[in-house]
Amino acid sequence: MANIIADKRLRYDGEIIVNKMRHASFMPYKTGFMKNYAVQGGMHGHMIYAITFNTQIAPYITFLEEGTRPHDIPGAFGRPLPFGMGGQFAGFFHPGSFIHVDFIKKDAVKEVLKYYMTHYNATISKGRRTND
């Protein structure tokens, strides 16, 4: 019985955290597709709630998280692909972006920690060092 109650509480907390992440200021937003559909949470066994950023739904999450160098995007934004031999570039030049780098690794993890510190008086420790 205690396990069922603990799992229900964890699911409840997880859903709140996912909702907070979806509305956090660090979350990249252009169309809302990523925050509304690709940020997901769910139970993955007893006392395990996983928050995922689903790259099957939004494959560009990796580019946001890791950044990109300047690059060409052929056929971007409805422009036709180059045609024929030696066709001109008919796409879009992207200057690269590092503005959202580590938004998952740092900002999303901070959101989880902040929730537990606020609601459960949790503390963060860096672990113990041993002199082995």
Protein backbone atom coordinates (compact mmCIF):
# COMPACT_ATOMS: atom_id res chain seq x y z
CA MET A 1 0.00 0.00 0.00
CA ALA A 2 2.82 2.40 0.87
CA ASN A 3 4.42 1.75 -2.55
CA ILE A 4 1.20 2.67 -4.34
CA ILE A 5 0.89 5.91 -2.38
CA ALA A 6 4.56 6.78 -3.01
CA ASP A 7 4.18 6.12 -6.74
CA LYS A 8 1.04 8.27 -6.90
CA ARG A 9 2.85 11.12 -5.13
CA LEU A 10 5.85 10.81 -7.44
CA ARG A 11 3.58 10.82 -10.51
CA TYR A 12 1.81 13.93 -9.15
CA ASP A 13 5.11 15.72 -8.52
CA GLY A 14 6.46 14.65 -11.92
CA GLU A 15 3.45 16.05 -13.76
CA ILE A 16 3.85 19.37 -11.94
CA ILE A 17 7.55 19.51 -12.83
CA VAL A 18 6.88 18.71 -16.51
CA ASN A 19 4.27 21.47 -16.60
CA LYS A 20 6.71 23.92 -14.97
CA MET A 21 9.36 23.00 -17.55
CA ARG A 22 6.95 23.56 -20.41
CA HIS A 23 6.33 27.09 -19.17
CA ALA A 24 9.84 27.92 -17.95
CA SER A 25 11.61 30.94 -19.41
CA PHE A 26 14.59 28.80 -20.50
CA MET A 27 12.44 26.61 -22.78
CA PRO A 28 13.10 27.49 -26.44
CA TYR A 29 9.88 28.58 -28.10
CA LYS A 30 9.07 29.23 -31.70
CA THR A 31 5.92 27.31 -32.53
CA GLY A 32 5.30 25.67 -29.15
CA PHE A 33 5.52 22.21 -30.67
CA MET A 34 8.54 21.14 -28.64
CA LYS A 35 7.32 22.33 -25.26
CA ASN A 36 3.75 21.12 -25.78
CA TYR A 37 4.47 17.70 -27.27
CA ALA A 38 8.15 16.71 -26.99
CA VAL A 39 8.62 17.36 -23.26
CA GLN A 40 7.10 14.28 -21.68
CA GLY A 41 7.00 12.57 -18.34
CA GLY A 42 5.86 9.22 -17.04
CA MET A 43 6.40 6.43 -14.57
CA HIS A 44 9.07 3.89 -15.54
CA GLY A 45 8.71 1.42 -12.69
CA HIS A 46 8.33 1.75 -8.95
CA MET A 47 9.57 5.13 -7.71
CA ILE A 48 11.03 6.08 -11.11
CA TYR A 49 9.52 9.03 -12.97
CA ALA A 50 11.34 10.00 -16.14
CA ILE A 51 11.16 13.38 -17.87
CA THR A 52 12.19 13.10 -21.50
CA PHE A 53 12.79 15.46 -24.38
CA ASN A 54 11.56 13.26 -27.21
CA THR A 55 13.74 13.64 -30.30
CA GLN A 56 11.34 11.43 -32.29
CA ILE A 57 8.77 14.23 -32.00
CA ALA A 58 11.18 17.18 -32.25
CA PRO A 59 14.46 16.01 -33.86
CA TYR A 60 15.93 19.51 -33.55
CA ILE A 61 16.20 19.24 -29.75
CA THR A 62 19.76 17.94 -30.12
CA PHE A 63 20.72 21.01 -32.17
CA LEU A 64 19.27 23.32 -29.52
CA GLU A 65 20.97 21.46 -26.66
CA GLU A 66 24.39 21.20 -28.31
CA GLY A 67 24.36 24.27 -30.57
CA THR A 68 25.23 24.45 -34.26
CA ARG A 69 27.95 25.96 -36.39
CA PRO A 70 27.05 28.07 -39.42
CA HIS A 71 25.45 25.92 -42.12
CA ASP A 72 23.27 25.90 -45.22
CA ILE A 73 19.76 24.50 -45.08
CA PRO A 74 18.81 23.51 -48.64
CA GLY A 75 15.14 23.82 -49.47
CA ALA A 76 14.37 25.56 -46.20
CA PHE A 77 11.15 27.43 -45.59
CA GLY A 78 9.39 26.30 -48.74
CA ARG A 79 12.15 27.31 -51.11
CA PRO A 80 12.71 24.77 -53.89
CA LEU A 81 15.70 22.47 -53.84
CA PRO A 82 18.47 23.25 -56.33
CA PHE A 83 17.71 21.78 -59.72
CA GLY A 84 19.85 20.58 -62.60
CA MET A 85 23.60 20.33 -62.70
CA GLY A 86 25.32 23.18 -60.97
CA GLY A 87 22.00 24.59 -59.75
CA GLN A 88 22.18 27.61 -57.47
CA PHE A 89 21.79 27.26 -53.74
CA ALA A 90 18.07 27.68 -53.11
CA GLY A 91 17.81 27.50 -49.36
CA PHE A 92 18.72 29.38 -46.26
CA PHE A 93 22.05 30.16 -44.59
CA HIS A 94 21.88 29.68 -40.83
CA PRO A 95 24.61 31.53 -38.91
CA GLY A 96 24.64 28.86 -36.19
CA SER A 97 23.37 29.20 -32.67
CA PHE A 98 24.57 28.52 -29.17
CA ILE A 99 21.89 30.46 -27.31
CA HIS A 100 20.11 27.40 -25.88
CA VAL A 101 23.16 25.20 -25.29
CA ASP A 102 22.69 22.94 -22.25
CA PHE A 103 19.10 24.04 -21.62
CA ILE A 104 18.36 20.42 -20.70
CA LYS A 105 21.61 19.54 -18.96
CA LYS A 106 21.59 22.65 -16.78
CA ASP A 107 18.28 24.51 -16.79
CA ALA A 108 15.88 21.56 -16.82
CA VAL A 109 17.82 19.77 -14.08
CA LYS A 110 17.81 22.97 -12.00
CA GLU A 111 14.03 23.10 -12.38
CA VAL A 112 13.70 19.59 -10.91
CA LEU A 113 16.08 20.36 -8.06
CA LYS A 114 14.33 23.65 -7.30
CA TYR A 115 11.00 21.86 -7.02
CA TYR A 116 12.26 19.29 -4.55
CA MET A 117 14.20 21.85 -2.53
CA THR A 118 11.09 24.02 -2.26
CA HIS A 119 8.49 21.34 -1.58
CA TYR A 120 10.48 18.79 0.42
CA ASN A 121 13.31 20.85 1.95
CA ALA A 122 15.72 18.70 -0.04
CA THR A 123 19.40 19.56 -0.10
CA ILE A 124 22.02 18.97 -2.74
CA SER A 125 25.34 17.37 -1.94
CA LYS A 126 28.20 16.67 -4.26
CA GLY A 127 28.84 13.29 -2.68
CA ARG A 128 31.51 12.07 -0.36
CA ARG A 129 35.18 11.95 -1.15
CA THR A 130 37.23 9.04 -0.07
CA ASN A 131 40.98 8.88 0.31
CA ASP A 132 41.39 5.54 -1.44
